Amino acid sequence: MKTYNTAIVLGAGAFGTSIAFVLAQNFKRVIIKARSQDIYDEIKRGENSTYLPGQAIPAEIVPALSWQELDGLILGSVDLVVSGLPTTAIRPFFRENLQYVEKFLSQGIPFVSLAKGIDTETLELPDDMFRDYLEKYEDQLTYLSGPSFAKEILDKQITLVSLAGRSRSTLLKAADMMQTDFFKCFPTYDVKGVLLGGALKNVLAIASGIIEGLGFNHNTRAAMITRGIVEMLRFGVVFNARPETFYGFSGMGDLILTSTGDTSRNKQFGIEVAKGRSPEEIIQSTRSVVEGYKTTKAAFLLAQKYEIRARLFTGMYMVLYQNYAPQELITEMMKLPSKFDGE
């Protein structure tokens, strides 16, 4: 018997759909608020074939194009709202739809964000952006991040993630709603650490793709991952994040997955860059969001602003935004003098 009534998922991308699948194990109905007619029609047919081809989704998951349609699909109460919006879509969406989301949050229900990124204009993380619109519901806001390929979630592969927020009761309640025999959230209060790990690892996943595309193998990737964690920790210091968070699911766990897994969008993006394709050309050829591309610019600007020593992140900015040859960058980095950590 299902424990909860209705959950709403904002956005019909791959990860949002996969979390809807998780929720369908515990909820009588999961409504995905879709933006485009084609995705809406696909979900109606029982498959999000644009983002997750060949993956059947259960009948408990239903799409809605308008808020009016969504209201008509609610069974009993709405017990959870999940935002599957990418970082770049948060502000545009809430400028137009705040009143509709507030209608549900005013009932005291938890809100879970899946966004992984940093705003390139303001250098804000998703929690800052949501706070601008939902400040009075801050104790209801939580942030999910960790090693979780969408396709593998639908295959019921065991997946462990971090869920960060301010309120213990909200975190435990949201974690319970998403608890299944294959999916589990571990609560934490370190919102900044979880969000930084989720954002910065995408840049390093692109670097991993470039490394692979240039013909380097496991030794090189392991070196990049190790040095990448060191640089991520330096960003964490600026945001008062806990160091141990970067060694958890949303840091090292997610970094290892996206740097080694063949279905990582960011890694595949890096492989294409190594082939000589321009970032703009690659992005225009896909509907999937490559969060790491814009995060690379944001990380570079953060490093400049706070004087963070981040050679890997700066190097990635040079490659993606200044047309610097990846092989030449690697050669130059290998010529740098050896130093003790911290020098």
C-alpha atoms as a PDB file:
ATOM      1  CA  MET A   1       0.000   0.000   0.000  1.00  0.00           C
ATOM      2  CA  LYS A   2       1.294   3.466  -0.951  1.00  0.00           C
ATOM      3  CA  THR A   3       2.184   5.646   2.039  1.00  0.00           C
ATOM      4  CA  TYR A   4       1.745   9.085   0.469  1.00  0.00           C
ATOM      5  CA  ASN A   5      -0.769  10.715  -1.858  1.00  0.00           C
ATOM      6  CA  THR A   6       0.648  13.100  -4.499  1.00  0.00           C
ATOM      7  CA  ALA A   7       4.132  14.402  -5.354  1.00  0.00           C
ATOM      8  CA  ILE A   8       4.867  17.099  -7.919  1.00  0.00           C
ATOM      9  CA  VAL A   9       8.058  17.160  -9.990  1.00  0.00           C
ATOM     10  CA  LEU A  10       8.855  20.430 -11.768  1.00  0.00           C
ATOM     11  CA  GLY A  11      10.674  19.639 -15.016  1.00  0.00           C
ATOM     12  CA  ALA A  12      10.695  16.541 -17.198  1.00  0.00           C
ATOM     13  CA  GLY A  13      14.414  16.017 -17.763  1.00  0.00           C
ATOM     14  CA  ALA A  14      16.257  12.754 -17.176  1.00  0.00           C
ATOM     15  CA  PHE A  15      17.008  13.244 -13.483  1.00  0.00           C
ATOM     16  CA  GLY A  16      13.602  14.699 -12.647  1.00  0.00           C
ATOM     17  CA  THR A  17      11.974  11.713 -14.334  1.00  0.00           C
ATOM     18  CA  SER A  18      14.205   9.284 -12.443  1.00  0.00           C
ATOM     19  CA  ILE A  19      13.287  10.856  -9.091  1.00  0.00           C
ATOM     20  CA  ALA A  20       9.624  10.680 -10.128  1.00  0.00           C
ATOM     21  CA  PHE A  21      10.230   6.937 -10.601  1.00  0.00           C
ATOM     22  CA  VAL A  22      11.630   6.710  -7.071  1.00  0.00           C
ATOM     23  CA  LEU A  23       8.628   8.583  -5.681  1.00  0.00           C
ATOM     24  CA  ALA A  24       6.217   6.339  -7.587  1.00  0.00           C
ATOM     25  CA  GLN A  25       7.279   3.523  -5.265  1.00  0.00           C
ATOM     26  CA  ASN A  26       5.759   5.384  -2.280  1.00  0.00           C
ATOM     27  CA  PHE A  27       3.191   7.787  -3.761  1.00  0.00           C
ATOM     28  CA  LYS A  28      -0.215   7.042  -5.250  1.00  0.00           C
ATOM     29  CA  ARG A  29       0.435   9.675  -7.929  1.00  0.00           C
ATOM     30  CA  VAL A  30       3.474  11.608  -9.173  1.00  0.00           C
ATOM     31  CA  ILE A  31       2.743  14.556 -11.462  1.00  0.00           C
ATOM     32  CA  ILE A  32       5.534  15.770 -13.726  1.00  0.00           C
ATOM     33  CA  LYS A  33       5.081  19.407 -14.758  1.00  0.00           C
ATOM     34  CA  ALA A  34       6.382  19.307 -18.336  1.00  0.00           C
ATOM     35  CA  ARG A  35       7.220  22.325 -20.454  1.00  0.00           C
ATOM     36  CA  SER A  36       7.024  20.898 -23.980  1.00  0.00           C
ATOM     37  CA  GLN A  37       4.232  19.063 -25.765  1.00  0.00           C
ATOM     38  CA  ASP A  38       6.465  16.300 -27.131  1.00  0.00           C
ATOM     39  CA  ILE A  39       7.797  15.295 -23.695  1.00  0.00           C
ATOM     40  CA  TYR A  40       4.255  15.475 -22.315  1.00  0.00           C
ATOM     41  CA  ASP A  41       3.031  13.103 -25.021  1.00  0.00           C
ATOM     42  CA  GLU A  42       5.915  10.694 -24.415  1.00  0.00           C
ATOM     43  CA  ILE A  43       5.227  10.459 -20.682  1.00  0.00           C
ATOM     44  CA  LYS A  44       1.542   9.928 -21.473  1.00  0.00           C
ATOM     45  CA  ARG A  45       2.665   6.880 -23.441  1.00  0.00           C
ATOM     46  CA  GLY A  46       4.686   5.594 -20.479  1.00  0.00           C
ATOM     47  CA  GLU A  47       8.212   6.552 -21.530  1.00  0.00           C
ATOM     48  CA  ASN A  48      10.333   9.716 -21.552  1.00  0.00           C
ATOM     49  CA  SER A  49      11.969   8.640 -24.807  1.00  0.00           C
ATOM     50  CA  THR A  50      13.750  11.963 -25.386  1.00  0.00           C
ATOM     51  CA  TYR A  51      15.870  11.700 -22.239  1.00  0.00           C
ATOM     52  CA  LEU A  52      15.504   8.054 -21.168  1.00  0.00           C
ATOM     53  CA  PRO A  53      14.783   5.987 -24.286  1.00  0.00           C
ATOM     54  CA  GLY A  54      13.707   2.427 -23.686  1.00  0.00           C
ATOM     55  CA  GLN A  55      12.972   3.023 -19.984  1.00  0.00           C
ATOM     56  CA  ALA A  56       9.355   2.334 -19.049  1.00  0.00           C
ATOM     57  CA  ILE A  57       7.840   4.511 -16.345  1.00  0.00           C
ATOM     58  CA  PRO A  58       4.954   3.338 -14.132  1.00  0.00           C
ATOM     59  CA  ALA A  59       1.330   4.367 -14.446  1.00  0.00           C
ATOM     60  CA  GLU A  60       1.546   6.355 -11.190  1.00  0.00           C
ATOM     61  CA  ILE A  61       3.588   8.975 -13.096  1.00  0.00           C
ATOM     62  CA  VAL A  62       1.429  11.366 -15.114  1.00  0.00           C
ATOM     63  CA  PRO A  63       2.351  14.581 -16.983  1.00  0.00           C
ATOM     64  CA  ALA A  64       0.758  18.028 -16.862  1.00  0.00           C
ATOM     65  CA  LEU A  65       1.406  20.978 -19.158  1.00  0.00           C
ATOM     66  CA  SER A  66      -0.532  23.640 -17.250  1.00  0.00           C
ATOM     67  CA  TRP A  67      -1.105  24.318 -13.565  1.00  0.00           C
ATOM     68  CA  GLN A  68      -4.826  23.941 -14.171  1.00  0.00           C
ATOM     69  CA  GLU A  69      -4.289  20.452 -15.567  1.00  0.00           C
ATOM     70  CA  LEU A  70      -1.977  19.661 -12.660  1.00  0.00           C
ATOM     71  CA  ASP A  71      -4.621  20.683 -10.098  1.00  0.00           C
ATOM     72  CA  GLY A  72      -7.067  18.284 -11.700  1.00  0.00           C
ATOM     73  CA  LEU A  73      -4.669  15.354 -11.342  1.00  0.00           C
ATOM     74  CA  ILE A  74      -3.982  15.682  -7.596  1.00  0.00           C
ATOM     75  CA  LEU A  75      -5.032  12.660  -5.530  1.00  0.00           C
ATOM     76  CA  GLY A  76      -5.801  13.591  -1.935  1.00  0.00           C
ATOM     77  CA  SER A  77      -3.071  15.935  -0.651  1.00  0.00           C
ATOM     78  CA  VAL A  78       0.206  17.111  -2.179  1.00  0.00           C
ATOM     79  CA  ASP A  79       2.894  15.839   0.186  1.00  0.00           C
ATOM     80  CA  LEU A  80       6.120  16.791  -1.644  1.00  0.00           C
ATOM     81  CA  VAL A  81       7.382  19.152  -4.364  1.00  0.00           C
ATOM     82  CA  VAL A  82      10.571  18.338  -6.261  1.00  0.00           C
ATOM     83  CA  SER A  83      12.338  20.825  -8.533  1.00  0.00           C
ATOM     84  CA  GLY A  84      14.110  19.133 -11.423  1.00  0.00           C
ATOM     85  CA  LEU A  85      14.998  22.511 -12.925  1.00  0.00           C
ATOM     86  CA  PRO A  86      18.600  23.087 -14.026  1.00  0.00           C
ATOM     87  CA  THR A  87      20.342  26.001 -12.318  1.00  0.00           C
ATOM     88  CA  THR A  88      19.918  28.274 -15.343  1.00  0.00           C
ATOM     89  CA  ALA A  89      16.130  27.763 -15.325  1.00  0.00           C
ATOM     90  CA  ILE A  90      15.453  28.506 -11.644  1.00  0.00           C
ATOM     91  CA  ARG A  91      15.052  32.277 -11.911  1.00  0.00           C
ATOM     92  CA  PRO A  92      13.042  32.323 -15.177  1.00  0.00           C
ATOM     93  CA  PHE A  93      10.695  29.646 -13.851  1.00  0.00           C
ATOM     94  CA  PHE A  94      10.028  31.288 -10.494  1.00  0.00           C
ATOM     95  CA  ARG A  95       9.562  34.735 -11.980  1.00  0.00           C
ATOM     96  CA  GLU A  96       6.546  33.305 -13.811  1.00  0.00           C
ATOM     97  CA  ASN A  97       5.326  30.529 -11.514  1.00  0.00           C
ATOM     98  CA  LEU A  98       6.090  31.544  -7.918  1.00  0.00           C
ATOM     99  CA  GLN A  99       2.448  31.877  -6.896  1.00  0.00           C
ATOM    100  CA  TYR A 100       1.655  28.315  -7.989  1.00  0.00           C
ATOM    101  CA  VAL A 101       4.571  26.796  -6.056  1.00  0.00           C
ATOM    102  CA  GLU A 102       3.778  28.912  -2.987  1.00  0.00           C
ATOM    103  CA  LYS A 103       0.263  27.493  -2.968  1.00  0.00           C
ATOM    104  CA  PHE A 104       1.736  24.107  -2.056  1.00  0.00           C
ATOM    105  CA  LEU A 105       4.624  25.232   0.164  1.00  0.00           C
ATOM    106  CA  SER A 106       2.248  27.312   2.272  1.00  0.00           C
ATOM    107  CA  GLN A 107       0.860  23.947   3.458  1.00  0.00           C
ATOM    108  CA  GLY A 108       4.222  23.183   5.106  1.00  0.00           C
ATOM    109  CA  ILE A 109       5.329  20.372   2.792  1.00  0.00           C
ATOM    110  CA  PRO A 110       9.025  19.652   1.960  1.00  0.00           C
ATOM    111  CA  PHE A 111      10.662  20.942  -1.217  1.00  0.00           C
ATOM    112  CA  VAL A 112      13.596  19.094  -2.842  1.00  0.00           C
ATOM    113  CA  SER A 113      15.901  20.694  -5.436  1.00  0.00           C
ATOM    114  CA  LEU A 114      17.978  18.575  -7.825  1.00  0.00           C
ATOM    115  CA  ALA A 115      19.926  21.489  -9.361  1.00  0.00           C
ATOM    116  CA  LYS A 116      23.713  21.241  -9.683  1.00  0.00           C
ATOM    117  CA  GLY A 117      25.437  24.421 -10.775  1.00  0.00           C
ATOM    118  CA  ILE A 118      26.570  27.984 -10.045  1.00  0.00           C
ATOM    119  CA  ASP A 119      25.024  31.091 -11.576  1.00  0.00           C
ATOM    120  CA  THR A 120      27.598  32.712 -13.857  1.00  0.00           C
ATOM    121  CA  GLU A 121      26.226  36.239 -13.344  1.00  0.00           C
ATOM    122  CA  THR A 122      25.798  36.356  -9.569  1.00  0.00           C
ATOM    123  CA  LEU A 123      28.087  33.410  -8.617  1.00  0.00           C
ATOM    124  CA  GLU A 124      25.237  32.139  -6.436  1.00  0.00           C
ATOM    125  CA  LEU A 125      24.522  28.498  -5.659  1.00  0.00           C
ATOM    126  CA  PRO A 126      20.958  27.123  -6.022  1.00  0.00           C
ATOM    127  CA  ASP A 127      20.133  27.667  -2.329  1.00  0.00           C
ATOM    128  CA  ASP A 128      20.807  31.402  -2.722  1.00  0.00           C
ATOM    129  CA  MET A 129      18.579  31.521  -5.796  1.00  0.00           C
ATOM    130  CA  PHE A 130      15.693  29.630  -4.182  1.00  0.00           C
ATOM    131  CA  ARG A 131      16.000  31.791  -1.061  1.00  0.00           C
ATOM    132  CA  ASP A 132      15.356  34.884  -3.188  1.00  0.00           C
ATOM    133  CA  TYR A 133      11.903  33.520  -3.997  1.00  0.00           C
ATOM    134  CA  LEU A 134      11.106  31.154  -1.125  1.00  0.00           C
ATOM    135  CA  GLU A 135      12.810  32.724   1.903  1.00  0.00           C
ATOM    136  CA  LYS A 136       9.839  32.305   4.215  1.00  0.00           C
ATOM    137  CA  TYR A 137       9.849  28.572   3.449  1.00  0.00           C
ATOM    138  CA  GLU A 138      13.592  28.152   4.008  1.00  0.00           C
ATOM    139  CA  ASP A 139      13.191  25.377   6.589  1.00  0.00           C
ATOM    140  CA  GLN A 140      11.232  23.378   3.998  1.00  0.00           C
ATOM    141  CA  LEU A 141      13.955  23.597   1.331  1.00  0.00           C
ATOM    142  CA  THR A 142      16.306  20.664   0.778  1.00  0.00           C
ATOM    143  CA  TYR A 143      18.980  19.910  -1.816  1.00  0.00           C
ATOM    144  CA  LEU A 144      19.733  16.465  -3.246  1.00  0.00           C
ATOM    145  CA  SER A 145      23.068  15.524  -4.799  1.00  0.00           C
ATOM    146  CA  GLY A 146      25.164  12.417  -5.213  1.00  0.00           C
ATOM    147  CA  PRO A 147      26.304   9.672  -7.608  1.00  0.00           C
ATOM    148  CA  SER A 148      23.093   8.948  -9.489  1.00  0.00           C
ATOM    149  CA  PHE A 149      22.797   8.280 -13.205  1.00  0.00           C
ATOM    150  CA  ALA A 150      19.120   8.589 -14.133  1.00  0.00           C
ATOM    151  CA  LYS A 151      19.031   5.417 -16.241  1.00  0.00           C
ATOM    152  CA  GLU A 152      20.492   3.310 -13.438  1.00  0.00           C
ATOM    153  CA  ILE A 153      17.866   4.608 -11.001  1.00  0.00           C
ATOM    154  CA  LEU A 154      15.147   3.368 -13.356  1.00  0.00           C
ATOM    155  CA  ASP A 155      17.006   0.054 -13.502  1.00  0.00           C
ATOM    156  CA  LYS A 156      16.730  -0.028  -9.681  1.00  0.00           C
ATOM    157  CA  GLN A 157      20.485  -0.018  -9.200  1.00  0.00           C
ATOM    158  CA  ILE A 158      21.289   0.740  -5.545  1.00  0.00           C
ATOM    159  CA  THR A 159      21.836   4.501  -5.281  1.00  0.00           C
ATOM    160  CA  LEU A 160      22.921   6.505  -2.219  1.00  0.00           C
ATOM    161  CA  VAL A 161      22.813  10.321  -2.196  1.00  0.00           C
ATOM    162  CA  SER A 162      23.097  13.302   0.161  1.00  0.00           C
ATOM    163  CA  LEU A 163      20.111  15.449   1.109  1.00  0.00           C
ATOM    164  CA  ALA A 164      21.006  18.805   2.656  1.00  0.00           C
ATOM    165  CA  GLY A 165      18.855  21.339   4.462  1.00  0.00           C
ATOM    166  CA  ARG A 166      18.354  23.370   7.662  1.00  0.00           C
ATOM    167  CA  SER A 167      15.515  21.510   9.362  1.00  0.00           C
ATOM    168  CA  ARG A 168      16.066  18.059  10.851  1.00  0.00           C
ATOM    169  CA  SER A 169      12.367  17.195  10.701  1.00  0.00           C
ATOM    170  CA  THR A 170      12.077  18.265   7.041  1.00  0.00           C
ATOM    171  CA  LEU A 171      15.170  16.302   6.053  1.00  0.00           C
ATOM    172  CA  LEU A 172      13.964  13.136   7.772  1.00  0.00           C
ATOM    173  CA  LYS A 173      10.490  13.485   6.292  1.00  0.00           C
ATOM    174  CA  ALA A 174      11.760  14.056   2.732  1.00  0.00           C
ATOM    175  CA  ALA A 175      14.289  11.226   3.059  1.00  0.00           C
ATOM    176  CA  ASP A 176      11.506   8.874   4.174  1.00  0.00           C
ATOM    177  CA  MET A 177       9.370   9.834   1.182  1.00  0.00           C
ATOM    178  CA  MET A 178      12.240   8.861  -1.138  1.00  0.00           C
ATOM    179  CA  GLN A 179      13.312   5.742   0.747  1.00  0.00           C
ATOM    180  CA  THR A 180      13.087   2.533  -1.313  1.00  0.00           C
ATOM    181  CA  ASP A 181      14.950  -0.754  -1.409  1.00  0.00           C
ATOM    182  CA  PHE A 182      17.239   0.710  -4.099  1.00  0.00           C
ATOM    183  CA  PHE A 183      17.362   4.461  -3.299  1.00  0.00           C
ATOM    184  CA  LYS A 184      18.375   6.118  -0.030  1.00  0.00           C
ATOM    185  CA  CYS A 185      19.089   9.703   1.095  1.00  0.00           C
ATOM    186  CA  PHE A 186      21.552  10.557   3.866  1.00  0.00           C
ATOM    187  CA  PRO A 187      20.609  13.851   5.588  1.00  0.00           C
ATOM    188  CA  THR A 188      23.167  16.582   6.286  1.00  0.00           C
ATOM    189  CA  TYR A 189      23.076  20.230   7.349  1.00  0.00           C
ATOM    190  CA  ASP A 190      25.991  21.175   5.050  1.00  0.00           C
ATOM    191  CA  VAL A 191      23.996  22.755   2.223  1.00  0.00           C
ATOM    192  CA  LYS A 192      26.962  24.650   0.724  1.00  0.00           C
ATOM    193  CA  GLY A 193      29.217  21.600   0.768  1.00  0.00           C
ATOM    194  CA  VAL A 194      26.625  19.409  -0.952  1.00  0.00           C
ATOM    195  CA  LEU A 195      25.872  22.049  -3.601  1.00  0.00           C
ATOM    196  CA  LEU A 196      29.525  22.862  -4.262  1.00  0.00           C
ATOM    197  CA  GLY A 197      30.384  19.199  -4.666  1.00  0.00           C
ATOM    198  CA  GLY A 198      27.465  18.652  -7.032  1.00  0.00           C
ATOM    199  CA  ALA A 199      28.422  21.652  -9.149  1.00  0.00           C
ATOM    200  CA  LEU A 200      32.217  21.483  -9.266  1.00  0.00           C
ATOM    201  CA  LYS A 201      32.429  17.768 -10.031  1.00  0.00           C
ATOM    202  CA  ASN A 202      30.745  18.457 -13.403  1.00  0.00           C
ATOM    203  CA  VAL A 203      33.730  20.589 -14.450  1.00  0.00           C
ATOM    204  CA  LEU A 204      36.096  17.771 -13.529  1.00  0.00           C
ATOM    205  CA  ALA A 205      33.900  15.284 -15.385  1.00  0.00           C
ATOM    206  CA  ILE A 206      34.431  17.363 -18.533  1.00  0.00           C
ATOM    207  CA  ALA A 207      38.163  17.268 -17.812  1.00  0.00           C
ATOM    208  CA  SER A 208      37.931  13.480 -17.517  1.00  0.00           C
ATOM    209  CA  GLY A 209      36.272  13.317 -20.927  1.00  0.00           C
ATOM    210  CA  ILE A 210      38.993  15.469 -22.456  1.00  0.00           C
ATOM    211  CA  ILE A 211      41.648  13.235 -20.901  1.00  0.00           C
ATOM    212  CA  GLU A 212      39.998  10.151 -22.370  1.00  0.00           C
ATOM    213  CA  GLY A 213      39.471  11.832 -25.731  1.00  0.00           C
ATOM    214  CA  LEU A 214      43.175  12.643 -25.930  1.00  0.00           C
ATOM    215  CA  GLY A 215      44.081   8.995 -25.368  1.00  0.00           C
ATOM    216  CA  PHE A 216      45.112   9.104 -21.708  1.00  0.00           C
ATOM    217  CA  ASN A 217      43.938   6.327 -19.405  1.00  0.00           C
ATOM    218  CA  HIS A 218      43.412   5.333 -15.778  1.00  0.00           C
ATOM    219  CA  ASN A 219      46.616   6.771 -14.276  1.00  0.00           C
ATOM    220  CA  THR A 220      45.870  10.206 -15.701  1.00  0.00           C
ATOM    221  CA  ARG A 221      42.222  10.154 -14.672  1.00  0.00           C
ATOM    222  CA  ALA A 222      43.106   9.071 -11.128  1.00  0.00           C
ATOM    223  CA  ALA A 223      45.603  11.935 -10.874  1.00  0.00           C
ATOM    224  CA  MET A 224      42.980  14.419 -12.074  1.00  0.00           C
ATOM    225  CA  ILE A 225      40.354  13.155  -9.606  1.00  0.00           C
ATOM    226  CA  THR A 226      42.819  13.355  -6.710  1.00  0.00           C
ATOM    227  CA  ARG A 227      43.965  16.884  -7.502  1.00  0.00           C
ATOM    228  CA  GLY A 228      40.392  17.876  -8.297  1.00  0.00           C
ATOM    229  CA  ILE A 229      39.232  16.999  -4.782  1.00  0.00           C
ATOM    230  CA  VAL A 230      42.057  19.145  -3.376  1.00  0.00           C
ATOM    231  CA  GLU A 231      40.862  22.137  -5.401  1.00  0.00           C
ATOM    232  CA  MET A 232      37.200  21.516  -4.506  1.00  0.00           C
ATOM    233  CA  LEU A 233      38.181  21.699  -0.843  1.00  0.00           C
ATOM    234  CA  ARG A 234      39.709  25.135  -1.447  1.00  0.00           C
ATOM    235  CA  PHE A 235      36.384  26.379  -2.809  1.00  0.00           C
ATOM    236  CA  GLY A 236      34.704  24.856   0.226  1.00  0.00           C
ATOM    237  CA  VAL A 237      36.805  26.966   2.585  1.00  0.00           C
ATOM    238  CA  VAL A 238      35.393  30.151   1.040  1.00  0.00           C
ATOM    239  CA  PHE A 239      31.814  28.959   1.629  1.00  0.00           C
ATOM    240  CA  ASN A 240      32.488  27.513   5.106  1.00  0.00           C
ATOM    241  CA  ALA A 241      31.610  24.034   3.854  1.00  0.00           C
ATOM    242  CA  ARG A 242      32.662  20.996   5.850  1.00  0.00           C
ATOM    243  CA  PRO A 243      35.721  19.217   4.398  1.00  0.00           C
ATOM    244  CA  GLU A 244      34.217  15.792   5.083  1.00  0.00           C
ATOM    245  CA  THR A 245      31.291  16.607   2.779  1.00  0.00           C
ATOM    246  CA  PHE A 246      33.649  16.577  -0.209  1.00  0.00           C
ATOM    247  CA  TYR A 247      34.657  13.023   0.631  1.00  0.00           C
ATOM    248  CA  GLY A 248      31.011  11.919   0.740  1.00  0.00           C
ATOM    249  CA  PHE A 249      28.320  11.079  -1.804  1.00  0.00           C
ATOM    250  CA  SER A 250      27.894  14.595  -3.229  1.00  0.00           C
ATOM    251  CA  GLY A 251      31.655  15.157  -3.549  1.00  0.00           C
ATOM    252  CA  MET A 252      33.993  12.272  -4.216  1.00  0.00           C
ATOM    253  CA  GLY A 253      31.151   9.813  -4.856  1.00  0.00           C
ATOM    254  CA  ASP A 254      29.588  11.931  -7.590  1.00  0.00           C
ATOM    255  CA  LEU A 255      33.001  12.907  -8.986  1.00  0.00           C
ATOM    256  CA  ILE A 256      34.106   9.285  -9.385  1.00  0.00           C
ATOM    257  CA  LEU A 257      30.824   8.354 -11.073  1.00  0.00           C
ATOM    258  CA  THR A 258      30.712  11.221 -13.558  1.00  0.00           C
ATOM    259  CA  SER A 259      34.431  11.015 -14.316  1.00  0.00           C
ATOM    260  CA  THR A 260      34.387   7.302 -15.095  1.00  0.00           C
ATOM    261  CA  GLY A 261      30.833   6.443 -16.185  1.00  0.00           C
ATOM    262  CA  ASP A 262      30.222   6.304 -19.919  1.00  0.00           C
ATOM    263  CA  THR A 263      26.707   7.776 -19.653  1.00  0.00           C
ATOM    264  CA  SER A 264      27.898  11.011 -18.016  1.00  0.00           C
ATOM    265  CA  ARG A 265      26.766  13.958 -20.167  1.00  0.00           C
ATOM    266  CA  ASN A 266      29.640  16.095 -18.928  1.00  0.00           C
ATOM    267  CA  LYS A 267      32.233  13.432 -19.656  1.00  0.00           C
ATOM    268  CA  GLN A 268      30.833  12.855 -23.159  1.00  0.00           C
ATOM    269  CA  PHE A 269      30.936  16.614 -23.694  1.00  0.00           C
ATOM    270  CA  GLY A 270      34.648  16.564 -22.796  1.00  0.00           C
ATOM    271  CA  ILE A 271      35.322  13.712 -25.209  1.00  0.00           C
ATOM    272  CA  GLU A 272      33.760  15.747 -28.025  1.00  0.00           C
ATOM    273  CA  VAL A 273      35.818  18.814 -27.068  1.00  0.00           C
ATOM    274  CA  ALA A 274      38.963  16.670 -27.303  1.00  0.00           C
ATOM    275  CA  LYS A 275      37.937  15.765 -30.868  1.00  0.00           C
ATOM    276  CA  GLY A 276      38.101  19.444 -31.767  1.00  0.00           C
ATOM    277  CA  ARG A 277      34.395  20.336 -31.696  1.00  0.00           C
ATOM    278  CA  SER A 278      33.504  23.711 -30.184  1.00  0.00           C
ATOM    279  CA  PRO A 279      31.512  23.770 -26.915  1.00  0.00           C
ATOM    280  CA  GLU A 280      28.768  25.829 -28.541  1.00  0.00           C
ATOM    281  CA  GLU A 281      28.364  23.324 -31.380  1.00  0.00           C
ATOM    282  CA  ILE A 282      28.102  20.392 -28.951  1.00  0.00           C
ATOM    283  CA  ILE A 283      25.532  22.128 -26.732  1.00  0.00           C
ATOM    284  CA  GLN A 284      23.357  23.129 -29.685  1.00  0.00           C
ATOM    285  CA  SER A 285      23.241  19.514 -30.851  1.00  0.00           C
ATOM    286  CA  THR A 286      21.534  18.187 -27.697  1.00  0.00           C
ATOM    287  CA  ARG A 287      18.491  18.950 -25.544  1.00  0.00           C
ATOM    288  CA  SER A 288      20.253  17.683 -22.430  1.00  0.00           C
ATOM    289  CA  VAL A 289      21.794  20.312 -20.164  1.00  0.00           C
ATOM    290  CA  VAL A 290      25.582  20.112 -19.771  1.00  0.00           C
ATOM    291  CA  GLU A 291      25.773  21.833 -16.383  1.00  0.00           C
ATOM    292  CA  GLY A 292      29.560  21.675 -16.256  1.00  0.00           C
ATOM    293  CA  TYR A 293      30.035  24.067 -19.182  1.00  0.00           C
ATOM    294  CA  LYS A 294      28.593  27.141 -17.457  1.00  0.00           C
ATOM    295  CA  THR A 295      29.850  25.981 -14.078  1.00  0.00           C
ATOM    296  CA  THR A 296      33.387  26.101 -15.500  1.00  0.00           C
ATOM    297  CA  LYS A 297      33.018  29.836 -16.079  1.00  0.00           C
ATOM    298  CA  ALA A 298      31.442  30.382 -12.655  1.00  0.00           C
ATOM    299  CA  ALA A 299      34.219  28.409 -10.924  1.00  0.00           C
ATOM    300  CA  PHE A 300      36.871  30.448 -12.736  1.00  0.00           C
ATOM    301  CA  LEU A 301      35.200  33.709 -11.681  1.00  0.00           C
ATOM    302  CA  LEU A 302      34.917  32.476  -8.084  1.00  0.00           C
ATOM    303  CA  ALA A 303      38.595  31.524  -8.094  1.00  0.00           C
ATOM    304  CA  GLN A 304      39.491  34.998  -9.374  1.00  0.00           C
ATOM    305  CA  LYS A 305      37.239  36.773  -6.893  1.00  0.00           C
ATOM    306  CA  TYR A 306      38.421  34.894  -3.801  1.00  0.00           C
ATOM    307  CA  GLU A 307      41.987  34.162  -4.938  1.00  0.00           C
ATOM    308  CA  ILE A 308      41.471  30.399  -4.853  1.00  0.00           C
ATOM    309  CA  ARG A 309      44.406  28.420  -6.230  1.00  0.00           C
ATOM    310  CA  ALA A 310      42.589  26.169  -8.705  1.00  0.00           C
ATOM    311  CA  ARG A 311      44.804  25.242 -11.646  1.00  0.00           C
ATOM    312  CA  LEU A 312      42.517  22.519 -12.941  1.00  0.00           C
ATOM    313  CA  PHE A 313      39.436  24.733 -12.941  1.00  0.00           C
ATOM    314  CA  THR A 314      41.348  27.660 -14.447  1.00  0.00           C
ATOM    315  CA  GLY A 315      42.773  25.348 -17.098  1.00  0.00           C
ATOM    316  CA  MET A 316      39.296  24.098 -17.985  1.00  0.00           C
ATOM    317  CA  TYR A 317      38.126  27.680 -18.401  1.00  0.00           C
ATOM    318  CA  MET A 318      41.004  28.352 -20.787  1.00  0.00           C
ATOM    319  CA  VAL A 319      40.090  25.302 -22.855  1.00  0.00           C
ATOM    320  CA  LEU A 320      36.325  25.879 -22.994  1.00  0.00           C
ATOM    321  CA  TYR A 321      36.212  29.683 -23.203  1.00  0.00           C
ATOM    322  CA  GLN A 322      39.567  30.777 -24.608  1.00  0.00           C
ATOM    323  CA  ASN A 323      40.126  28.046 -27.237  1.00  0.00           C
ATOM    324  CA  TYR A 324      43.257  26.810 -25.497  1.00  0.00           C
ATOM    325  CA  ALA A 325      44.492  23.461 -26.793  1.00  0.00           C
ATOM    326  CA  PRO A 326      43.874  20.748 -24.135  1.00  0.00           C
ATOM    327  CA  GLN A 327      47.083  18.863 -24.923  1.00  0.00           C
ATOM    328  CA  GLU A 328      49.140  22.029 -24.619  1.00  0.00           C
ATOM    329  CA  LEU A 329      47.547  22.793 -21.256  1.00  0.00           C
ATOM    330  CA  ILE A 330      48.396  19.311 -19.936  1.00  0.00           C
ATOM    331  CA  THR A 331      51.981  19.692 -21.130  1.00  0.00           C
ATOM    332  CA  GLU A 332      52.316  23.039 -19.363  1.00  0.00           C
ATOM    333  CA  MET A 333      50.818  21.722 -16.117  1.00  0.00           C
ATOM    334  CA  MET A 334      53.280  18.819 -16.090  1.00  0.00           C
ATOM    335  CA  LYS A 335      56.158  21.306 -16.349  1.00  0.00           C
ATOM    336  CA  LEU A 336      55.097  23.164 -13.203  1.00  0.00           C
ATOM    337  CA  PRO A 337      57.541  22.770 -10.293  1.00  0.00           C
ATOM    338  CA  SER A 338      56.613  20.246  -7.600  1.00  0.00           C
ATOM    339  CA  LYS A 339      55.438  21.790  -4.340  1.00  0.00           C
ATOM    340  CA  PHE A 340      54.255  20.623  -0.953  1.00  0.00           C
ATOM    341  CA  ASP A 341      50.473  20.750  -0.615  1.00  0.00           C
ATOM    342  CA  GLY A 342      49.419  24.123   0.747  1.00  0.00           C
ATOM    343  CA  GLU A 343      52.359  26.032  -0.752  1.00  0.00           C
END
